[in-house]
Amino acid sequence: MRNIDFFEHETEVDANEFGLCDDPDESSKTPAYFDTNPSNKSKWIAHVCNKASGRIYFIAVDNKIDIRRDNGEMENRCDAILHDSDHIIFVELKNQAGNWINHAITQLATTIDVFKSVHDITMFRQRLAYACNKRRPAFAVSHKEDMQRFKNKYGVRLIISCEITVK
């Protein structure tokens, strides 16, 4: 695998509260982005609250960072990464009705594996992965077993929620 620099195109987010968006545009394949305008909340898939109030950075991954399988096909990637000096947060954004959690987990896992192959993830004290779905912000079923398996395998805590809080 060629050397990938996930931090090459990071952007500082100058807001303590903002949204993460991923427009449904399969044909143009635009990457996810952050939005600091509260009047656009209807477009937000995830809501980020930076309680740490320090600098936080956004990295678009899907449709931005070229990650390929050995056969040359594009790899499944999560939509974005947020980070500061203590936290790294991998984020998958969904806007679909059903059968989405396993796909989101796969995309997060693949991105984490690739990230770990080119960067030292242990430099971050808190390592989190969020699976967010605008259509399913609350869940009636517990996913504790999936979350524990994910933590054991990747060393990253999986959270299924549209509310991302950085403390």
N, C-alpha and C. Protein backbone atom coordinates (compact mmCIF):
# COMPACT_ATOMS: atom_id res chain seq x y z
N MET A 1 0.85 -1.19 0.00
CA MET A 1 0.00 0.00 0.00
C MET A 1 0.89 1.24 0.00
N ARG A 2 0.56 2.17 -0.88
CA ARG A 2 1.35 3.40 -0.93
C ARG A 2 1.14 4.20 0.33
N ASN A 3 2.04 5.10 0.60
CA ASN A 3 1.95 5.91 1.81
C ASN A 3 0.84 6.95 1.67
N ILE A 4 -0.13 6.88 2.54
CA ILE A 4 -1.27 7.80 2.52
C ILE A 4 -1.13 8.74 3.71
N ASP A 5 -1.25 10.04 3.46
CA ASP A 5 -1.20 11.02 4.54
C ASP A 5 -2.61 11.52 4.79
N PHE A 6 -3.26 10.97 5.80
CA PHE A 6 -4.62 11.38 6.13
C PHE A 6 -4.69 12.85 6.53
N PHE A 7 -3.61 13.40 7.05
CA PHE A 7 -3.62 14.77 7.57
C PHE A 7 -3.32 15.83 6.49
N GLU A 8 -3.03 15.40 5.29
CA GLU A 8 -2.62 16.30 4.21
C GLU A 8 -3.65 17.39 3.92
N HIS A 9 -4.93 17.05 3.97
CA HIS A 9 -5.97 18.02 3.59
C HIS A 9 -6.87 18.40 4.77
N GLU A 10 -6.33 18.33 5.99
CA GLU A 10 -7.16 18.67 7.15
C GLU A 10 -7.49 20.16 7.16
N THR A 11 -8.65 20.47 7.74
CA THR A 11 -9.11 21.85 7.84
C THR A 11 -9.51 22.13 9.28
N GLU A 12 -9.04 23.23 9.83
CA GLU A 12 -9.45 23.59 11.18
C GLU A 12 -10.89 24.07 11.17
N VAL A 13 -11.67 23.59 12.13
CA VAL A 13 -13.07 24.01 12.26
C VAL A 13 -13.09 25.08 13.34
N ASP A 14 -13.46 26.29 12.95
CA ASP A 14 -13.46 27.42 13.88
C ASP A 14 -14.86 27.59 14.48
N ALA A 15 -15.30 26.58 15.24
CA ALA A 15 -16.62 26.62 15.88
C ALA A 15 -16.64 25.56 16.97
N ASN A 16 -17.35 25.85 18.04
CA ASN A 16 -17.51 24.86 19.11
C ASN A 16 -18.69 23.94 18.85
N GLU A 17 -19.55 24.32 17.90
CA GLU A 17 -20.71 23.52 17.54
C GLU A 17 -20.87 23.58 16.03
N PHE A 18 -21.01 22.42 15.41
CA PHE A 18 -21.15 22.38 13.96
C PHE A 18 -21.75 21.06 13.53
N GLY A 19 -22.10 20.97 12.26
CA GLY A 19 -22.68 19.75 11.72
C GLY A 19 -21.76 19.11 10.70
N LEU A 20 -21.95 17.81 10.52
CA LEU A 20 -21.26 17.07 9.46
C LEU A 20 -22.29 16.68 8.42
N CYS A 21 -21.96 16.92 7.17
CA CYS A 21 -22.90 16.71 6.07
C CYS A 21 -22.26 15.84 4.99
N ASP A 22 -23.12 15.12 4.30
CA ASP A 22 -22.70 14.32 3.15
C ASP A 22 -23.87 14.32 2.18
N ASP A 23 -23.79 15.19 1.19
CA ASP A 23 -24.90 15.36 0.27
C ASP A 23 -25.11 14.11 -0.58
N PRO A 24 -26.37 13.76 -0.85
CA PRO A 24 -26.67 12.56 -1.66
C PRO A 24 -26.44 12.83 -3.14
N ASP A 25 -25.21 12.68 -3.57
CA ASP A 25 -24.83 13.03 -4.95
C ASP A 25 -23.94 11.94 -5.55
N GLU A 26 -24.48 10.78 -5.71
CA GLU A 26 -23.70 9.65 -6.21
C GLU A 26 -22.97 9.95 -7.52
N SER A 27 -23.55 10.75 -8.38
CA SER A 27 -22.92 10.99 -9.68
C SER A 27 -21.68 11.89 -9.57
N SER A 28 -21.72 12.92 -8.72
CA SER A 28 -20.58 13.83 -8.64
C SER A 28 -19.58 13.44 -7.55
N LYS A 29 -19.98 12.56 -6.63
CA LYS A 29 -19.07 12.02 -5.61
C LYS A 29 -18.32 13.10 -4.83
N THR A 30 -19.04 14.05 -4.29
CA THR A 30 -18.39 15.07 -3.46
C THR A 30 -18.13 14.51 -2.07
N PRO A 31 -17.05 14.95 -1.43
CA PRO A 31 -16.74 14.45 -0.09
C PRO A 31 -17.64 15.08 0.98
N ALA A 32 -17.64 14.46 2.14
CA ALA A 32 -18.35 15.02 3.29
C ALA A 32 -17.72 16.36 3.66
N TYR A 33 -18.46 17.16 4.41
CA TYR A 33 -17.96 18.48 4.81
C TYR A 33 -18.59 18.87 6.13
N PHE A 34 -18.02 19.92 6.75
CA PHE A 34 -18.61 20.43 7.98
C PHE A 34 -19.33 21.74 7.67
N ASP A 35 -20.32 22.05 8.48
CA ASP A 35 -21.14 23.25 8.30
C ASP A 35 -21.29 23.92 9.66
N THR A 36 -20.88 25.17 9.77
CA THR A 36 -20.94 25.90 11.04
C THR A 36 -22.15 26.81 11.14
N ASN A 37 -23.00 26.81 10.11
CA ASN A 37 -24.16 27.69 10.10
C ASN A 37 -25.38 26.97 10.71
N PRO A 38 -25.83 27.38 11.90
CA PRO A 38 -26.96 26.69 12.55
C PRO A 38 -28.25 26.72 11.73
N SER A 39 -28.39 27.66 10.81
CA SER A 39 -29.61 27.70 10.00
C SER A 39 -29.65 26.57 8.97
N ASN A 40 -28.54 25.84 8.81
CA ASN A 40 -28.48 24.71 7.88
C ASN A 40 -28.64 23.37 8.60
N LYS A 41 -29.11 23.36 9.84
CA LYS A 41 -29.18 22.12 10.63
C LYS A 41 -29.96 21.00 9.95
N SER A 42 -30.88 21.35 9.07
CA SER A 42 -31.65 20.31 8.38
C SER A 42 -30.76 19.45 7.48
N LYS A 43 -29.59 19.95 7.08
CA LYS A 43 -28.65 19.20 6.24
C LYS A 43 -27.68 18.37 7.07
N TRP A 44 -27.57 18.68 8.37
CA TRP A 44 -26.60 18.01 9.22
C TRP A 44 -27.01 16.56 9.46
N ILE A 45 -26.09 15.64 9.26
CA ILE A 45 -26.33 14.24 9.60
C ILE A 45 -25.85 13.98 11.03
N ALA A 46 -24.74 14.60 11.39
CA ALA A 46 -24.22 14.50 12.76
C ALA A 46 -24.04 15.90 13.32
N HIS A 47 -24.27 16.03 14.61
CA HIS A 47 -24.08 17.29 15.32
C HIS A 47 -22.86 17.14 16.21
N VAL A 48 -21.88 18.04 16.07
CA VAL A 48 -20.64 17.97 16.84
C VAL A 48 -20.62 19.11 17.84
N CYS A 49 -20.35 18.76 19.08
CA CYS A 49 -20.20 19.74 20.15
C CYS A 49 -18.79 19.61 20.70
N ASN A 50 -17.98 20.63 20.48
CA ASN A 50 -16.59 20.62 20.93
C ASN A 50 -16.52 21.28 22.29
N LYS A 51 -16.76 20.50 23.35
CA LYS A 51 -16.72 21.02 24.71
C LYS A 51 -15.29 21.26 25.18
N ALA A 52 -14.33 20.66 24.51
CA ALA A 52 -12.93 20.89 24.85
C ALA A 52 -12.53 22.32 24.47
N SER A 53 -13.27 22.89 23.53
CA SER A 53 -13.08 24.28 23.07
C SER A 53 -11.70 24.56 22.51
N GLY A 54 -10.94 23.51 22.27
CA GLY A 54 -9.64 23.70 21.63
C GLY A 54 -9.78 23.57 20.13
N ARG A 55 -8.66 23.57 19.46
CA ARG A 55 -8.68 23.41 18.01
C ARG A 55 -9.12 22.00 17.65
N ILE A 56 -10.01 21.92 16.70
CA ILE A 56 -10.45 20.61 16.19
C ILE A 56 -10.32 20.67 14.67
N TYR A 57 -9.92 19.55 14.10
CA TYR A 57 -9.66 19.49 12.66
C TYR A 57 -10.57 18.47 12.00
N PHE A 58 -10.95 18.78 10.77
CA PHE A 58 -11.82 17.93 9.96
C PHE A 58 -11.03 17.41 8.77
N ILE A 59 -11.19 16.11 8.49
CA ILE A 59 -10.57 15.49 7.32
C ILE A 59 -11.65 14.73 6.57
N ALA A 60 -11.90 15.12 5.33
CA ALA A 60 -12.81 14.36 4.46
C ALA A 60 -12.05 13.12 4.00
N VAL A 61 -12.68 11.97 4.06
CA VAL A 61 -12.01 10.72 3.67
C VAL A 61 -12.65 10.15 2.41
N ASP A 62 -13.92 9.73 2.47
CA ASP A 62 -14.59 9.16 1.31
C ASP A 62 -14.68 10.21 0.21
N ASN A 63 -14.38 9.82 -0.99
CA ASN A 63 -14.36 10.70 -2.17
C ASN A 63 -13.30 11.80 -2.09
N LYS A 64 -12.31 11.63 -1.19
CA LYS A 64 -11.22 12.58 -1.08
C LYS A 64 -9.87 11.87 -1.01
N ILE A 65 -9.76 10.87 -0.13
CA ILE A 65 -8.52 10.13 0.03
C ILE A 65 -8.61 8.83 -0.76
N ASP A 66 -7.66 8.64 -1.64
CA ASP A 66 -7.66 7.49 -2.54
C ASP A 66 -7.11 6.26 -1.82
N ILE A 67 -8.01 5.35 -1.44
CA ILE A 67 -7.62 4.11 -0.78
C ILE A 67 -8.13 2.96 -1.65
N ARG A 68 -7.20 2.17 -2.14
CA ARG A 68 -7.57 1.10 -3.08
C ARG A 68 -7.21 -0.27 -2.54
N ARG A 69 -7.99 -1.25 -2.98
CA ARG A 69 -7.70 -2.65 -2.68
C ARG A 69 -6.52 -3.10 -3.55
N ASP A 70 -6.00 -4.28 -3.26
CA ASP A 70 -4.88 -4.81 -4.04
C ASP A 70 -5.23 -4.96 -5.52
N ASN A 71 -6.52 -5.20 -5.82
CA ASN A 71 -6.92 -5.38 -7.23
C ASN A 71 -7.18 -4.04 -7.94
N GLY A 72 -6.96 -2.92 -7.25
CA GLY A 72 -7.13 -1.60 -7.86
C GLY A 72 -8.49 -0.97 -7.64
N GLU A 73 -9.46 -1.75 -7.17
CA GLU A 73 -10.79 -1.18 -6.90
C GLU A 73 -10.75 -0.28 -5.68
N MET A 74 -11.66 0.69 -5.66
CA MET A 74 -11.74 1.61 -4.53
C MET A 74 -12.21 0.87 -3.30
N GLU A 75 -11.57 1.14 -2.18
CA GLU A 75 -11.91 0.50 -0.91
C GLU A 75 -13.07 1.25 -0.26
N ASN A 76 -13.85 0.55 0.56
CA ASN A 76 -14.87 1.20 1.38
C ASN A 76 -14.18 2.06 2.42
N ARG A 77 -14.61 3.31 2.55
CA ARG A 77 -14.00 4.23 3.51
C ARG A 77 -15.09 4.92 4.30
N CYS A 78 -14.76 5.35 5.51
CA CYS A 78 -15.72 6.17 6.25
C CYS A 78 -15.71 7.56 5.64
N ASP A 79 -16.65 8.39 6.05
CA ASP A 79 -16.80 9.71 5.42
C ASP A 79 -15.80 10.74 5.90
N ALA A 80 -15.45 10.71 7.19
CA ALA A 80 -14.63 11.79 7.72
C ALA A 80 -13.89 11.37 8.98
N ILE A 81 -12.91 12.18 9.33
CA ILE A 81 -12.18 12.04 10.59
C ILE A 81 -12.15 13.42 11.24
N LEU A 82 -12.39 13.45 12.54
CA LEU A 82 -12.18 14.64 13.35
C LEU A 82 -11.02 14.34 14.29
N HIS A 83 -10.21 15.35 14.59
CA HIS A 83 -9.16 15.12 15.58
C HIS A 83 -8.72 16.42 16.23
N ASP A 84 -8.20 16.26 17.43
CA ASP A 84 -7.47 17.32 18.10
C ASP A 84 -6.24 16.64 18.71
N SER A 85 -5.57 17.27 19.65
CA SER A 85 -4.34 16.66 20.17
C SER A 85 -4.60 15.39 20.98
N ASP A 86 -5.79 15.23 21.55
CA ASP A 86 -6.12 14.06 22.37
C ASP A 86 -7.04 13.05 21.71
N HIS A 87 -7.89 13.50 20.78
CA HIS A 87 -8.95 12.66 20.22
C HIS A 87 -8.75 12.40 18.73
N ILE A 88 -9.12 11.20 18.32
CA ILE A 88 -9.33 10.93 16.91
C ILE A 88 -10.70 10.26 16.80
N ILE A 89 -11.51 10.78 15.88
CA ILE A 89 -12.89 10.31 15.75
C ILE A 89 -13.14 10.00 14.28
N PHE A 90 -13.37 8.73 13.99
CA PHE A 90 -13.72 8.30 12.64
C PHE A 90 -15.24 8.36 12.54
N VAL A 91 -15.76 8.90 11.44
CA VAL A 91 -17.20 9.14 11.33
C VAL A 91 -17.74 8.58 10.01
N GLU A 92 -18.80 7.77 10.13
CA GLU A 92 -19.54 7.33 8.95
C GLU A 92 -20.92 7.96 9.01
N LEU A 93 -21.31 8.64 7.94
CA LEU A 93 -22.58 9.35 7.86
C LEU A 93 -23.53 8.60 6.94
N LYS A 94 -24.71 8.30 7.45
CA LYS A 94 -25.73 7.59 6.67
C LYS A 94 -27.03 8.38 6.69
N ASN A 95 -27.84 8.16 5.66
CA ASN A 95 -29.18 8.72 5.59
C ASN A 95 -30.05 7.67 4.90
N GLN A 96 -30.27 6.56 5.61
CA GLN A 96 -31.04 5.47 5.04
C GLN A 96 -31.88 4.80 6.12
N ALA A 97 -32.91 4.12 5.68
CA ALA A 97 -33.90 3.57 6.61
C ALA A 97 -33.41 2.31 7.33
N GLY A 98 -32.98 1.31 6.62
CA GLY A 98 -32.66 0.06 7.30
C GLY A 98 -31.38 -0.57 6.84
N ASN A 99 -30.94 -1.59 7.60
CA ASN A 99 -29.77 -2.40 7.22
C ASN A 99 -28.52 -1.56 6.97
N TRP A 100 -28.23 -0.66 7.84
CA TRP A 100 -27.11 0.25 7.60
C TRP A 100 -25.96 0.07 8.58
N ILE A 101 -26.21 -0.47 9.76
CA ILE A 101 -25.19 -0.49 10.80
C ILE A 101 -24.00 -1.36 10.40
N ASN A 102 -24.23 -2.56 9.89
CA ASN A 102 -23.10 -3.42 9.50
C ASN A 102 -22.24 -2.79 8.41
N HIS A 103 -22.89 -2.14 7.46
CA HIS A 103 -22.13 -1.47 6.39
C HIS A 103 -21.31 -0.32 6.97
N ALA A 104 -21.89 0.44 7.87
CA ALA A 104 -21.16 1.55 8.51
C ALA A 104 -19.96 1.03 9.29
N ILE A 105 -20.15 -0.06 10.03
CA ILE A 105 -19.07 -0.64 10.81
C ILE A 105 -17.94 -1.11 9.90
N THR A 106 -18.28 -1.72 8.77
CA THR A 106 -17.26 -2.16 7.81
C THR A 106 -16.46 -0.99 7.28
N GLN A 107 -17.14 0.10 6.93
CA GLN A 107 -16.45 1.27 6.40
C GLN A 107 -15.53 1.89 7.45
N LEU A 108 -15.99 1.97 8.69
CA LEU A 108 -15.17 2.49 9.78
C LEU A 108 -13.95 1.59 10.00
N ALA A 109 -14.17 0.27 10.06
CA ALA A 109 -13.09 -0.68 10.32
C ALA A 109 -12.02 -0.61 9.24
N THR A 110 -12.43 -0.56 7.98
CA THR A 110 -11.46 -0.50 6.88
C THR A 110 -10.62 0.76 6.99
N THR A 111 -11.26 1.89 7.25
CA THR A 111 -10.52 3.15 7.36
C THR A 111 -9.56 3.12 8.53
N ILE A 112 -10.00 2.58 9.65
CA ILE A 112 -9.13 2.49 10.83
C ILE A 112 -7.92 1.61 10.53
N ASP A 113 -8.13 0.47 9.88
CA ASP A 113 -7.01 -0.41 9.53
C ASP A 113 -5.99 0.30 8.64
N VAL A 114 -6.48 1.02 7.63
CA VAL A 114 -5.57 1.74 6.73
C VAL A 114 -4.87 2.86 7.49
N PHE A 115 -5.61 3.60 8.30
CA PHE A 115 -5.02 4.68 9.09
C PHE A 115 -3.89 4.13 9.96
N LYS A 116 -4.16 3.02 10.66
CA LYS A 116 -3.16 2.43 11.55
C LYS A 116 -1.93 1.93 10.80
N SER A 117 -2.09 1.60 9.53
CA SER A 117 -0.95 1.12 8.75
C SER A 117 -0.01 2.25 8.34
N VAL A 118 -0.48 3.50 8.39
CA VAL A 118 0.36 4.63 7.95
C VAL A 118 0.58 5.69 9.03
N HIS A 119 -0.17 5.64 10.13
CA HIS A 119 -0.04 6.61 11.22
C HIS A 119 -0.09 5.88 12.56
N ASP A 120 0.48 6.49 13.57
CA ASP A 120 0.47 5.93 14.92
C ASP A 120 -0.80 6.39 15.65
N ILE A 121 -1.79 5.52 15.72
CA ILE A 121 -3.07 5.87 16.34
C ILE A 121 -2.93 6.04 17.86
N THR A 122 -1.87 5.47 18.43
CA THR A 122 -1.70 5.56 19.88
C THR A 122 -1.30 6.96 20.34
N MET A 123 -1.00 7.86 19.40
CA MET A 123 -0.69 9.24 19.80
C MET A 123 -1.96 9.97 20.28
N PHE A 124 -3.12 9.37 20.06
CA PHE A 124 -4.38 9.94 20.51
C PHE A 124 -4.85 9.18 21.75
N ARG A 125 -5.13 9.91 22.81
CA ARG A 125 -5.58 9.30 24.06
C ARG A 125 -6.97 8.70 23.91
N GLN A 126 -7.87 9.39 23.23
CA GLN A 126 -9.23 8.92 22.98
C GLN A 126 -9.36 8.54 21.52
N ARG A 127 -9.79 7.29 21.27
CA ARG A 127 -9.97 6.81 19.90
C ARG A 127 -11.41 6.34 19.77
N LEU A 128 -12.18 7.04 18.91
CA LEU A 128 -13.61 6.79 18.79
C LEU A 128 -13.99 6.61 17.33
N ALA A 129 -15.08 5.87 17.12
CA ALA A 129 -15.68 5.72 15.78
C ALA A 129 -17.18 5.91 15.94
N TYR A 130 -17.75 6.79 15.15
CA TYR A 130 -19.18 7.08 15.20
C TYR A 130 -19.86 6.60 13.93
N ALA A 131 -20.93 5.84 14.10
CA ALA A 131 -21.82 5.49 13.01
C ALA A 131 -23.07 6.35 13.21
N CYS A 132 -23.32 7.27 12.28
CA CYS A 132 -24.41 8.24 12.41
C CYS A 132 -25.41 8.03 11.28
N ASN A 133 -26.68 8.06 11.63
CA ASN A 133 -27.73 7.93 10.61
C ASN A 133 -28.81 8.96 10.88
N LYS A 134 -28.97 9.87 9.95
CA LYS A 134 -29.96 10.94 10.09
C LYS A 134 -31.38 10.39 10.24
N ARG A 135 -31.68 9.30 9.55
CA ARG A 135 -33.04 8.73 9.62
C ARG A 135 -33.27 7.88 10.86
N ARG A 136 -32.20 7.45 11.49
CA ARG A 136 -32.31 6.61 12.68
C ARG A 136 -31.41 7.17 13.80
N PRO A 137 -31.71 8.38 14.29
CA PRO A 137 -30.85 8.96 15.33
C PRO A 137 -30.94 8.26 16.68
N ALA A 138 -32.05 7.53 16.93
CA ALA A 138 -32.21 6.78 18.18
C ALA A 138 -32.44 5.31 17.84
N PHE A 139 -32.05 4.43 18.75
CA PHE A 139 -32.11 3.01 18.48
C PHE A 139 -32.88 2.27 19.55
N ALA A 140 -33.74 1.34 19.14
CA ALA A 140 -34.52 0.53 20.07
C ALA A 140 -33.76 -0.72 20.47
N VAL A 141 -32.73 -1.07 19.72
CA VAL A 141 -31.99 -2.29 19.96
C VAL A 141 -30.59 -1.94 20.45
N SER A 142 -30.10 -2.68 21.43
CA SER A 142 -28.75 -2.46 21.94
C SER A 142 -27.74 -3.12 20.99
N HIS A 143 -26.64 -2.46 20.81
CA HIS A 143 -25.57 -3.00 19.97
C HIS A 143 -24.30 -3.18 20.80
N LYS A 144 -24.47 -3.47 22.08
CA LYS A 144 -23.33 -3.60 23.00
C LYS A 144 -22.33 -4.65 22.54
N GLU A 145 -22.82 -5.78 22.06
CA GLU A 145 -21.91 -6.85 21.63
C GLU A 145 -21.08 -6.41 20.42
N ASP A 146 -21.74 -5.77 19.43
CA ASP A 146 -21.01 -5.25 18.26
C ASP A 146 -19.97 -4.22 18.70
N MET A 147 -20.37 -3.37 19.63
CA MET A 147 -19.48 -2.30 20.09
C MET A 147 -18.28 -2.88 20.83
N GLN A 148 -18.51 -3.89 21.65
CA GLN A 148 -17.40 -4.51 22.39
C GLN A 148 -16.46 -5.26 21.46
N ARG A 149 -17.02 -5.98 20.48
CA ARG A 149 -16.20 -6.69 19.49
C ARG A 149 -15.32 -5.69 18.73
N PHE A 150 -15.91 -4.57 18.33
CA PHE A 150 -15.19 -3.54 17.60
C PHE A 150 -14.03 -3.00 18.44
N LYS A 151 -14.31 -2.67 19.69
CA LYS A 151 -13.28 -2.15 20.61
C LYS A 151 -12.15 -3.16 20.78
N ASN A 152 -12.50 -4.44 20.97
CA ASN A 152 -11.48 -5.48 21.15
C ASN A 152 -10.61 -5.64 19.91
N LYS A 153 -11.22 -5.57 18.74
CA LYS A 153 -10.48 -5.82 17.50
C LYS A 153 -9.65 -4.62 17.04
N TYR A 154 -10.22 -3.40 17.13
CA TYR A 154 -9.56 -2.23 16.55
C TYR A 154 -8.96 -1.27 17.58
N GLY A 155 -9.28 -1.47 18.87
CA GLY A 155 -8.77 -0.55 19.89
C GLY A 155 -9.42 0.81 19.82
N VAL A 156 -10.61 0.87 19.23
CA VAL A 156 -11.35 2.11 19.03
C VAL A 156 -12.77 1.88 19.54
N ARG A 157 -13.28 2.82 20.32
CA ARG A 157 -14.63 2.68 20.86
C ARG A 157 -15.67 3.07 19.80
N LEU A 158 -16.59 2.17 19.52
CA LEU A 158 -17.66 2.40 18.54
C LEU A 158 -18.87 2.98 19.25
N ILE A 159 -19.41 4.06 18.68
CA ILE A 159 -20.61 4.70 19.21
C ILE A 159 -21.59 4.87 18.06
N ILE A 160 -22.84 4.45 18.27
CA ILE A 160 -23.87 4.61 17.25
C ILE A 160 -24.77 5.75 17.71
N SER A 161 -24.53 6.91 17.15
CA SER A 161 -25.24 8.13 17.56
C SER A 161 -24.96 9.25 16.58
N CYS A 162 -25.89 10.19 16.47
CA CYS A 162 -25.70 11.37 15.63
C CYS A 162 -25.14 12.54 16.43
N GLU A 163 -24.96 12.36 17.73
CA GLU A 163 -24.43 13.40 18.60
C GLU A 163 -22.98 13.07 18.97
N ILE A 164 -22.05 13.86 18.46
CA ILE A 164 -20.63 13.65 18.72
C ILE A 164 -20.16 14.75 19.67
N THR A 165 -19.69 14.34 20.84
CA THR A 165 -19.21 15.30 21.82
C THR A 165 -17.73 15.08 22.06
N VAL A 166 -16.96 16.15 21.92
CA VAL A 166 -15.53 16.11 22.18
C VAL A 166 -15.31 16.81 23.52
N LYS A 167 -14.84 16.04 24.52
CA LYS A 167 -14.64 16.60 25.88
C LYS A 167 -13.19 16.78 26.18
